[in-house]
Amino acid sequence: MSHATRVQQETETFLGIGPVQVAELELDGGGVLKPGPGSPPVTHGDVFLLVRRGGRPVGTLLGSVPEGADPRTVLLTSAAREHAPETSPPVPAPSAAPLSVSVVIATRERADRLAHALDSMLAQDHPDFEIVVVDNAPVTDATRELVERKYAERVRYVTEPVPGLAVAHNTGVAAAHGEVIAFTDDDVVADPRWLTELTASFGSDPGLGCATGLILPARLRTPAQVLLESHGGFAKGFAPRTYDPADPPAGEPLFPFTAGRFGSGANMAFRTQVLRAVGGFDPATGAGTLARGGDDLYGFVRVLAEGHRLHYTPYALVWHHHRETWRDLETQAYGYGAGLTAYLTAVLVNRPGLLPAFLARLPRGLAYARTLTASRAAESGQDTGPGGHDHRTHAWPGRLSRLQRRGMLYGPLGYLRARRALRVRGAAR
């Protein structure tokens, strides 16, 4: 098959992907069905469903509601079958008093999205938190005006003129007053218990340096959004897990260098003193730099490398607005690949003592990279079991896999170029 023919087929297949509704269903109390954030009421058709028990997420499923059928009845039957009572989350043990938290949101020229994120932040049930908005290299006054007009009493506004997500996050770290710093993006809607669940373990585990949480799609309206989520999106499963450098996880020989398994920057928190002790995020990483990404992964590995634990909890939920177009997916695939190798370069530059451990894992790491960037066929019959999250109903295009590989080749160079750009900028001041 010629390259042109393959590209045409991939394009036609992509454009044929239809929208999927997003909803959530609480199994306890008789089964309450409601649409996802910003979604209309559920009707017939495909539905991406978050299943809860006692308010806590326990899994997702991809259901289909026949025309004329009652959506609640159909989805409740499917959810009850896949998520039996024994999959319910355990009742949490009493925890220590919650620590104070600073929520940092870096943003750039997306005031409309930011308003939805801030509304969800202000609805959090955590008893002691502040919100810091970092306006990164703004070109208009839209973000400042939004905060001053609507949120001035509850949100602190700071600016960071140097572009780059890691730089903006470091500005937020410097401005934070809380014992824990939580980070999320300007294109999310947070569950009301997000902050409480994300930060709960810091009070009970003094060795915990970082926590991450669950990220699900706010909407699945476009082919790009559906395709991304059908291959896992940003979710890391529905089983809580603690990563301990003193007790490396069995079956993960690349630990801690497979930082993408730990979580994502749209839903992460750090103990403030730990994050400051490792120097925060590398400013030459992240969106908005020549490195393209990797700032969150850098933070995870640096904290683990200092001996602190990292805890993933699916009970800390944010709904993320995925990118909407094919061009967005191309940019994201290339940026993900670049960020992956850029963060590894950053870790080794800033912590050269990790080089022997990295080199020992390099052969397996290359094999893992090939698997990570391979084209993936659709597996419509796939069943990952209760709590699973990988409804691979659409093939992953070869074009995106190739872009990701190109990004991985570029990442180290991009990181070094970003470091040089920062030095030049600093010398010019």
Protein backbone atom coordinates (compact mmCIF):
# COMPACT_ATOMS: atom_id res chain seq x y z
CA MET A 1 0.00 0.00 0.00
CA SER A 2 1.40 3.39 -0.96
CA HIS A 3 1.95 6.10 1.62
CA ALA A 4 -0.67 8.33 0.01
CA THR A 5 -3.26 5.54 0.07
CA ARG A 6 -2.52 4.76 3.70
CA VAL A 7 -2.87 8.41 4.68
CA GLN A 8 -6.17 8.67 2.80
CA GLN A 9 -7.53 5.59 4.55
CA GLU A 10 -6.46 6.87 7.97
CA THR A 11 -8.08 10.23 7.24
CA GLU A 12 -11.36 8.66 6.12
CA THR A 13 -11.42 6.37 9.15
CA PHE A 14 -10.73 9.29 11.47
CA LEU A 15 -13.47 11.45 9.99
CA GLY A 16 -15.91 8.56 10.37
CA ILE A 17 -15.56 8.51 14.16
CA GLY A 18 -18.84 9.66 15.69
CA PRO A 19 -19.46 11.56 18.94
CA VAL A 20 -19.92 9.81 22.26
CA GLN A 21 -21.98 11.13 25.15
CA VAL A 22 -20.33 11.54 28.57
CA ALA A 23 -22.25 10.72 31.73
CA GLU A 24 -21.84 9.43 35.26
CA LEU A 25 -23.89 6.95 37.26
CA GLU A 26 -24.03 6.49 41.02
CA LEU A 27 -24.84 2.84 41.74
CA ASP A 28 -25.71 3.38 45.40
CA GLY A 29 -29.08 4.87 46.19
CA GLY A 30 -30.92 3.31 43.27
CA GLY A 31 -28.73 4.49 40.41
CA VAL A 32 -28.65 8.23 39.72
CA LEU A 33 -27.67 9.09 36.15
CA LYS A 34 -26.49 12.56 35.17
CA PRO A 35 -24.60 14.04 32.23
CA GLY A 36 -20.93 14.87 32.42
CA PRO A 37 -19.89 18.50 32.99
CA GLY A 38 -21.10 20.67 30.16
CA SER A 39 -22.97 17.81 28.49
CA PRO A 40 -26.70 17.63 27.68
CA PRO A 41 -28.97 14.94 29.17
CA VAL A 42 -28.24 11.40 27.97
CA THR A 43 -30.25 10.11 25.02
CA HIS A 44 -29.85 7.13 22.69
CA GLY A 45 -26.45 6.33 21.22
CA ASP A 46 -22.97 5.59 22.56
CA VAL A 47 -22.21 6.70 26.12
CA PHE A 48 -18.89 6.93 27.95
CA LEU A 49 -19.98 6.30 31.54
CA LEU A 50 -18.18 6.94 34.80
CA VAL A 51 -19.46 4.55 37.46
CA ARG A 52 -19.42 5.60 41.11
CA ARG A 53 -20.17 3.89 44.40
CA GLY A 54 -20.65 6.05 47.45
CA GLY A 55 -19.60 9.02 45.35
CA ARG A 56 -16.22 7.52 44.51
CA PRO A 57 -15.20 6.50 40.98
CA VAL A 58 -14.84 2.73 40.54
CA GLY A 59 -14.58 2.39 36.77
CA THR A 60 -15.81 3.37 33.34
CA LEU A 61 -17.67 1.57 30.61
CA LEU A 62 -18.68 2.28 27.05
CA GLY A 63 -22.39 1.63 26.71
CA SER A 64 -24.97 1.98 23.97
CA VAL A 65 -28.54 3.11 24.51
CA PRO A 66 -31.01 1.90 21.84
CA GLU A 67 -33.38 4.45 20.40
CA GLY A 68 -36.56 4.61 22.49
CA ALA A 69 -34.97 2.91 25.52
CA ASP A 70 -34.59 4.48 28.94
CA PRO A 71 -30.91 5.50 29.28
CA ARG A 72 -30.83 5.05 33.04
CA THR A 73 -32.23 1.51 32.89
CA VAL A 74 -29.86 0.40 30.14
CA LEU A 75 -26.75 1.91 31.68
CA LEU A 76 -27.62 0.84 35.22
CA THR A 77 -27.94 -2.77 34.07
CA SER A 78 -24.55 -2.66 32.35
CA ALA A 79 -22.83 -0.88 35.22
CA ALA A 80 -24.23 -3.19 37.90
CA ARG A 81 -23.04 -6.20 35.92
CA GLU A 82 -19.49 -4.91 35.41
CA HIS A 83 -19.03 -3.25 38.78
CA ALA A 84 -20.37 -5.64 41.38
CA PRO A 85 -20.50 -4.59 45.05
CA GLU A 86 -17.17 -6.25 45.81
CA THR A 87 -15.45 -3.65 43.61
CA SER A 88 -16.61 -0.85 45.87
CA PRO A 89 -13.82 1.26 47.32
CA PRO A 90 -13.02 0.51 50.97
CA VAL A 91 -14.25 2.87 53.64
CA PRO A 92 -11.31 5.21 54.29
CA ALA A 93 -9.70 5.16 57.72
CA PRO A 94 -9.82 8.38 59.73
CA SER A 95 -7.01 10.64 58.56
CA ALA A 96 -5.01 13.40 60.17
CA ALA A 97 -6.23 16.97 60.01
CA PRO A 98 -6.08 18.21 56.41
CA LEU A 99 -3.04 20.26 55.51
CA SER A 100 -3.37 23.70 53.99
CA VAL A 101 -3.23 23.67 50.19
CA SER A 102 -2.34 26.11 47.45
CA VAL A 103 -3.96 25.36 44.09
CA VAL A 104 -1.85 26.69 41.22
CA ILE A 105 -3.34 27.13 37.74
CA ALA A 106 -1.05 28.37 34.98
CA THR A 107 -2.91 29.86 32.03
CA ARG A 108 -2.40 31.85 28.86
CA GLU A 109 -5.16 33.62 26.92
CA ARG A 110 -7.97 31.17 27.72
CA ALA A 111 -10.17 33.21 30.01
CA ASP A 112 -13.39 31.42 29.04
CA ARG A 113 -12.00 28.01 29.92
CA LEU A 114 -10.32 29.36 33.03
CA ALA A 115 -13.64 30.65 34.38
CA HIS A 116 -15.12 27.13 34.37
CA ALA A 117 -12.03 25.76 36.09
CA LEU A 118 -12.13 28.44 38.78
CA ASP A 119 -15.83 27.90 39.41
CA SER A 120 -15.11 24.22 40.09
CA MET A 121 -12.17 25.13 42.34
CA LEU A 122 -14.33 27.40 44.46
CA ALA A 123 -16.82 24.54 44.91
CA GLN A 124 -14.22 22.28 46.56
CA ASP A 125 -15.08 20.84 49.97
CA HIS A 126 -11.52 21.13 51.33
CA PRO A 127 -11.55 23.36 54.46
CA ASP A 128 -8.27 25.23 53.93
CA PHE A 129 -7.06 26.20 50.47
CA GLU A 130 -6.08 29.16 48.34
CA ILE A 131 -6.05 29.57 44.56
CA VAL A 132 -3.18 31.14 42.64
CA VAL A 133 -3.59 31.93 38.94
CA VAL A 134 -0.33 32.42 37.06
CA ASP A 135 -0.81 34.38 33.83
CA ASN A 136 2.02 33.15 31.61
CA ALA A 137 3.46 35.60 29.07
CA PRO A 138 0.08 37.32 28.53
CA VAL A 139 -0.56 39.32 25.38
CA THR A 140 -3.90 40.75 26.55
CA ASP A 141 -5.46 41.73 29.88
CA ALA A 142 -8.29 39.19 29.55
CA THR A 143 -7.12 36.86 32.34
CA ARG A 144 -6.33 39.65 34.79
CA GLU A 145 -9.65 41.32 34.11
CA LEU A 146 -11.52 38.05 34.62
CA VAL A 147 -9.88 37.41 37.99
CA GLU A 148 -10.33 40.99 39.19
CA ARG A 149 -13.94 41.20 38.02
CA LYS A 150 -15.25 37.84 39.21
CA TYR A 151 -12.81 36.18 41.59
CA ALA A 152 -10.77 38.90 43.27
CA GLU A 153 -11.77 37.92 46.82
CA ARG A 154 -10.85 34.24 46.43
CA VAL A 155 -8.13 34.08 43.78
CA ARG A 156 -4.65 35.58 43.74
CA TYR A 157 -3.38 36.73 40.36
CA VAL A 158 0.32 36.79 39.46
CA THR A 159 2.10 37.17 36.14
CA GLU A 160 5.12 35.38 34.72
CA PRO A 161 6.53 37.10 31.63
CA VAL A 162 8.82 34.22 30.58
CA PRO A 163 6.84 31.71 28.46
CA GLY A 164 6.78 28.08 29.53
CA LEU A 165 4.62 25.92 31.76
CA ALA A 166 7.42 24.94 34.15
CA VAL A 167 8.46 28.57 34.58
CA ALA A 168 4.84 29.50 35.34
CA HIS A 169 4.51 26.63 37.80
CA ASN A 170 7.69 27.70 39.58
CA THR A 171 6.24 31.19 39.92
CA GLY A 172 3.19 29.59 41.51
CA VAL A 173 5.42 27.59 43.85
CA ALA A 174 7.15 30.77 44.97
CA ALA A 175 3.81 32.47 45.61
CA ALA A 176 2.18 29.54 47.43
CA HIS A 177 1.45 29.62 51.16
CA GLY A 178 0.09 26.10 51.61
CA GLU A 179 1.81 23.04 53.06
CA VAL A 180 0.81 21.19 49.87
CA ILE A 181 0.73 22.61 46.34
CA ALA A 182 -1.82 21.17 43.92
CA PHE A 183 -1.61 21.81 40.18
CA THR A 184 -4.27 21.60 37.55
CA ASP A 185 -4.94 23.09 34.12
CA ASP A 186 -7.21 25.86 32.93
CA ASP A 187 -9.21 23.41 30.78
CA VAL A 188 -10.52 21.13 33.53
CA VAL A 189 -13.60 20.93 35.72
CA ALA A 190 -12.77 19.47 39.11
CA ASP A 191 -15.00 17.10 41.05
CA PRO A 192 -16.10 18.74 44.34
CA ARG A 193 -13.97 16.30 46.39
CA TRP A 194 -10.95 16.53 44.08
CA LEU A 195 -8.74 18.54 46.39
CA THR A 196 -9.68 16.64 49.54
CA GLU A 197 -9.01 13.27 47.93
CA LEU A 198 -5.80 14.37 46.18
CA THR A 199 -4.17 15.75 49.32
CA ALA A 200 -5.56 13.44 52.02
CA SER A 201 -2.54 11.11 52.12
CA PHE A 202 -0.05 13.89 52.83
CA GLY A 203 -1.33 14.23 56.37
CA SER A 204 -1.12 10.52 57.15
CA ASP A 205 2.13 9.69 55.32
CA PRO A 206 5.06 11.97 56.18
CA GLY A 207 7.19 10.23 53.52
CA LEU A 208 4.80 11.17 50.73
CA GLY A 209 6.22 13.73 48.34
CA CYS A 210 3.71 13.67 45.49
CA ALA A 211 0.16 12.60 44.65
CA THR A 212 -1.69 12.28 41.36
CA GLY A 213 -5.30 11.64 40.44
CA LEU A 214 -7.79 10.54 37.80
CA ILE A 215 -8.36 12.49 34.56
CA LEU A 216 -11.46 11.77 32.46
CA PRO A 217 -12.87 13.48 29.36
CA ALA A 218 -15.32 16.32 29.87
CA ARG A 219 -16.62 15.89 26.31
CA LEU A 220 -16.24 13.42 23.48
CA ARG A 221 -17.81 15.43 20.67
CA THR A 222 -15.13 15.34 17.97
CA PRO A 223 -13.23 12.48 16.30
CA ALA A 224 -9.98 13.67 17.92
CA GLN A 225 -11.46 13.57 21.42
CA VAL A 226 -12.99 10.13 20.93
CA LEU A 227 -9.84 8.68 19.38
CA LEU A 228 -7.62 9.90 22.21
CA GLU A 229 -9.90 8.57 24.92
CA SER A 230 -10.41 5.22 23.20
CA HIS A 231 -6.68 4.63 23.75
CA GLY A 232 -6.75 5.48 27.44
CA GLY A 233 -6.62 9.27 27.37
CA PHE A 234 -4.92 10.52 30.53
CA ALA A 235 -6.45 8.00 32.93
CA LYS A 236 -4.20 5.73 35.01
CA GLY A 237 -6.78 3.23 36.19
CA PHE A 238 -9.10 2.82 39.15
CA ALA A 239 -6.84 1.15 41.70
CA PRO A 240 -5.04 3.33 44.25
CA ARG A 241 -1.30 2.73 44.19
CA THR A 242 1.75 3.98 46.04
CA TYR A 243 5.16 4.07 44.36
CA ASP A 244 8.01 3.74 46.85
CA PRO A 245 11.65 4.08 45.70
CA ALA A 246 12.66 1.94 48.68
CA ASP A 247 10.45 -0.86 47.38
CA PRO A 248 10.36 -0.61 43.56
CA PRO A 249 7.20 -2.06 42.02
CA ALA A 250 7.48 -5.58 40.70
CA GLY A 251 6.99 -5.86 36.97
CA GLU A 252 8.24 -2.32 36.25
CA PRO A 253 11.97 -2.72 35.51
CA LEU A 254 12.18 0.85 34.15
CA PHE A 255 11.08 2.43 37.44
CA PRO A 256 11.28 5.36 38.08
CA PHE A 257 11.96 6.44 34.50
CA THR A 258 8.48 5.50 33.20
CA ALA A 259 7.06 8.59 34.85
CA GLY A 260 4.11 8.71 32.47
CA ARG A 261 2.61 5.82 34.44
CA PHE A 262 2.39 7.92 37.58
CA GLY A 263 -0.03 10.61 36.43
CA SER A 264 -0.24 13.90 34.54
CA GLY A 265 0.23 17.56 35.24
CA ALA A 266 -3.49 18.36 35.07
CA ASN A 267 -3.96 16.50 38.36
CA MET A 268 -0.96 16.47 40.68
CA ALA A 269 0.12 17.72 44.09
CA PHE A 270 3.43 17.97 45.94
CA ARG A 271 4.46 18.54 49.52
CA THR A 272 5.63 22.12 49.31
CA GLN A 273 8.90 21.71 51.15
CA VAL A 274 9.80 18.66 49.06
CA LEU A 275 9.11 20.39 45.75
CA ARG A 276 11.11 23.43 46.78
CA ALA A 277 13.98 21.27 48.02
CA VAL A 278 14.41 19.65 44.57
CA GLY A 279 14.36 23.06 42.92
CA GLY A 280 10.84 22.93 41.56
CA PHE A 281 10.34 22.16 37.87
CA ASP A 282 13.08 22.47 35.29
CA PRO A 283 12.27 25.77 33.52
CA ALA A 284 13.53 24.40 30.19
CA THR A 285 10.70 21.84 30.11
CA GLY A 286 6.98 22.12 29.55
CA ALA A 287 4.54 23.45 27.00
CA GLY A 288 5.57 26.84 25.68
CA THR A 289 9.27 25.93 25.53
CA LEU A 290 11.38 24.35 22.82
CA ALA A 291 11.27 21.12 24.83
CA ARG A 292 7.49 20.93 24.20
CA GLY A 293 6.64 19.16 27.50
CA GLY A 294 7.89 16.87 30.25
CA ASP A 295 7.72 19.29 33.18
CA ASP A 296 5.32 17.13 35.20
CA LEU A 297 7.27 13.93 34.53
CA TYR A 298 10.46 15.69 35.60
CA GLY A 299 8.83 16.63 38.89
CA PHE A 300 7.67 13.07 39.57
CA VAL A 301 11.10 11.53 38.99
CA ARG A 302 12.99 14.19 40.94
CA VAL A 303 10.78 13.62 43.98
CA LEU A 304 11.10 9.83 43.74
CA ALA A 305 14.87 10.11 43.25
CA GLU A 306 15.10 11.90 46.58
CA GLY A 307 13.46 8.95 48.31
CA HIS A 308 9.92 10.29 48.65
CA ARG A 309 6.83 8.24 47.82
CA LEU A 310 4.24 9.03 45.14
CA HIS A 311 0.59 8.06 45.54
CA TYR A 312 -1.97 7.70 42.75
CA THR A 313 -5.64 7.86 43.72
CA PRO A 314 -8.57 7.47 41.31
CA TYR A 315 -10.83 9.21 43.81
CA ALA A 316 -9.34 12.63 43.00
CA LEU A 317 -11.12 13.36 39.73
CA VAL A 318 -10.90 16.15 37.19
CA TRP A 319 -12.75 16.29 33.89
CA HIS A 320 -10.44 17.43 31.10
CA HIS A 321 -11.37 19.16 27.84
CA HIS A 322 -9.39 17.18 25.29
CA ARG A 323 -8.08 18.85 22.16
CA GLU A 324 -10.65 18.93 19.37
CA THR A 325 -8.98 18.60 15.96
CA TRP A 326 -6.69 16.30 13.99
CA ARG A 327 -4.05 19.04 13.96
CA ASP A 328 -4.31 19.18 17.75
CA LEU A 329 -3.65 15.43 17.91
CA GLU A 330 -0.61 15.80 15.65
CA THR A 331 0.78 18.54 17.86
CA GLN A 332 0.02 16.53 20.98
CA ALA A 333 1.65 13.34 19.66
CA TYR A 334 4.84 15.15 18.67
CA GLY A 335 4.89 17.12 21.90
CA TYR A 336 4.34 14.02 24.01
CA GLY A 337 7.27 12.26 22.37
CA ALA A 338 9.48 15.33 22.70
CA GLY A 339 8.51 15.89 26.32
CA LEU A 340 9.25 12.27 27.18
CA THR A 341 12.89 12.39 26.12
CA ALA A 342 13.29 16.04 27.14
CA TYR A 343 12.38 15.26 30.74
CA LEU A 344 14.80 12.30 30.78
CA THR A 345 17.53 14.63 29.52
CA ALA A 346 16.59 17.18 32.17
CA VAL A 347 16.73 14.59 34.95
CA LEU A 348 20.20 13.41 33.91
CA VAL A 349 21.51 16.95 33.49
CA ASN A 350 20.26 18.02 36.91
CA ARG A 351 20.88 14.74 38.70
CA PRO A 352 23.88 13.10 36.94
CA GLY A 353 24.12 10.52 39.71
CA LEU A 354 21.13 8.79 38.12
CA LEU A 355 23.04 8.12 34.91
CA PRO A 356 24.25 4.59 35.85
CA ALA A 357 20.70 3.51 36.76
CA PHE A 358 19.40 5.03 33.53
CA LEU A 359 22.01 3.30 31.37
CA ALA A 360 21.24 -0.03 33.04
CA ARG A 361 17.61 0.36 32.00
CA LEU A 362 18.31 1.75 28.54
CA PRO A 363 17.91 -1.49 26.49
CA ARG A 364 14.53 -2.22 28.04
CA GLY A 365 13.65 1.44 27.74
CA LEU A 366 14.20 1.40 23.99
CA ALA A 367 11.96 -1.66 23.67
CA TYR A 368 9.33 0.08 25.79
CA ALA A 369 9.55 3.17 23.57
CA ARG A 370 8.94 1.09 20.46
CA THR A 371 5.87 -0.44 22.08
CA LEU A 372 4.66 2.92 23.34
CA THR A 373 4.76 4.51 19.89
CA ALA A 374 3.46 1.57 17.85
CA SER A 375 0.33 1.84 15.75
CA ARG A 376 -2.47 0.17 17.66
CA ALA A 377 -5.35 -1.67 16.07
CA ALA A 378 -8.92 -1.36 17.24
CA GLU A 379 -10.00 -4.00 19.74
CA SER A 380 -13.72 -3.46 20.06
CA GLY A 381 -14.18 -6.62 22.09
CA GLN A 382 -11.51 -5.74 24.61
CA ASP A 383 -12.47 -6.13 28.24
CA THR A 384 -10.05 -4.83 30.82
CA GLY A 385 -12.23 -5.96 33.71
CA PRO A 386 -13.84 -3.99 36.54
CA GLY A 387 -12.37 -0.56 36.84
CA GLY A 388 -10.68 -0.82 33.46
CA HIS A 389 -10.22 2.11 31.15
CA ASP A 390 -9.11 1.33 27.61
CA HIS A 391 -12.03 1.05 25.21
CA ARG A 392 -9.89 0.62 22.09
CA THR A 393 -12.72 0.94 19.62
CA HIS A 394 -10.64 2.85 17.07
CA ALA A 395 -7.23 2.16 15.57
CA TRP A 396 -4.39 4.52 16.48
CA PRO A 397 -3.16 6.06 13.21
CA GLY A 398 0.36 5.36 12.04
CA ARG A 399 0.81 9.08 11.34
CA LEU A 400 0.48 9.86 15.06
CA SER A 401 2.88 7.08 16.01
CA ARG A 402 5.48 8.37 13.60
CA LEU A 403 5.11 11.91 14.93
CA GLN A 404 5.58 10.66 18.46
CA ARG A 405 8.81 8.90 17.47
CA ARG A 406 10.06 12.04 15.73
CA GLY A 407 9.29 13.98 18.86
CA MET A 408 11.29 11.53 20.95
CA LEU A 409 14.29 12.01 18.68
CA TYR A 410 13.92 15.78 18.94
CA GLY A 411 13.35 15.96 22.72
CA PRO A 412 16.97 16.07 23.97
CA LEU A 413 17.88 18.72 21.40
CA GLY A 414 14.75 20.69 22.22
CA TYR A 415 15.62 20.62 25.91
CA LEU A 416 19.18 21.83 25.31
CA ARG A 417 17.90 24.59 23.01
CA ALA A 418 15.38 25.62 25.69
CA ARG A 419 18.15 25.84 28.30
CA ARG A 420 20.22 27.99 25.97
CA ALA A 421 17.23 30.26 25.28
CA LEU A 422 16.75 30.79 29.01
CA ARG A 423 20.42 31.69 29.46
CA VAL A 424 20.24 34.18 26.60
CA ARG A 425 17.07 35.71 28.03
CA GLY A 426 18.67 35.94 31.45
CA ALA A 427 21.80 37.60 30.07
CA ALA A 428 19.69 40.14 28.19
CA ARG A 429 17.98 41.36 31.33
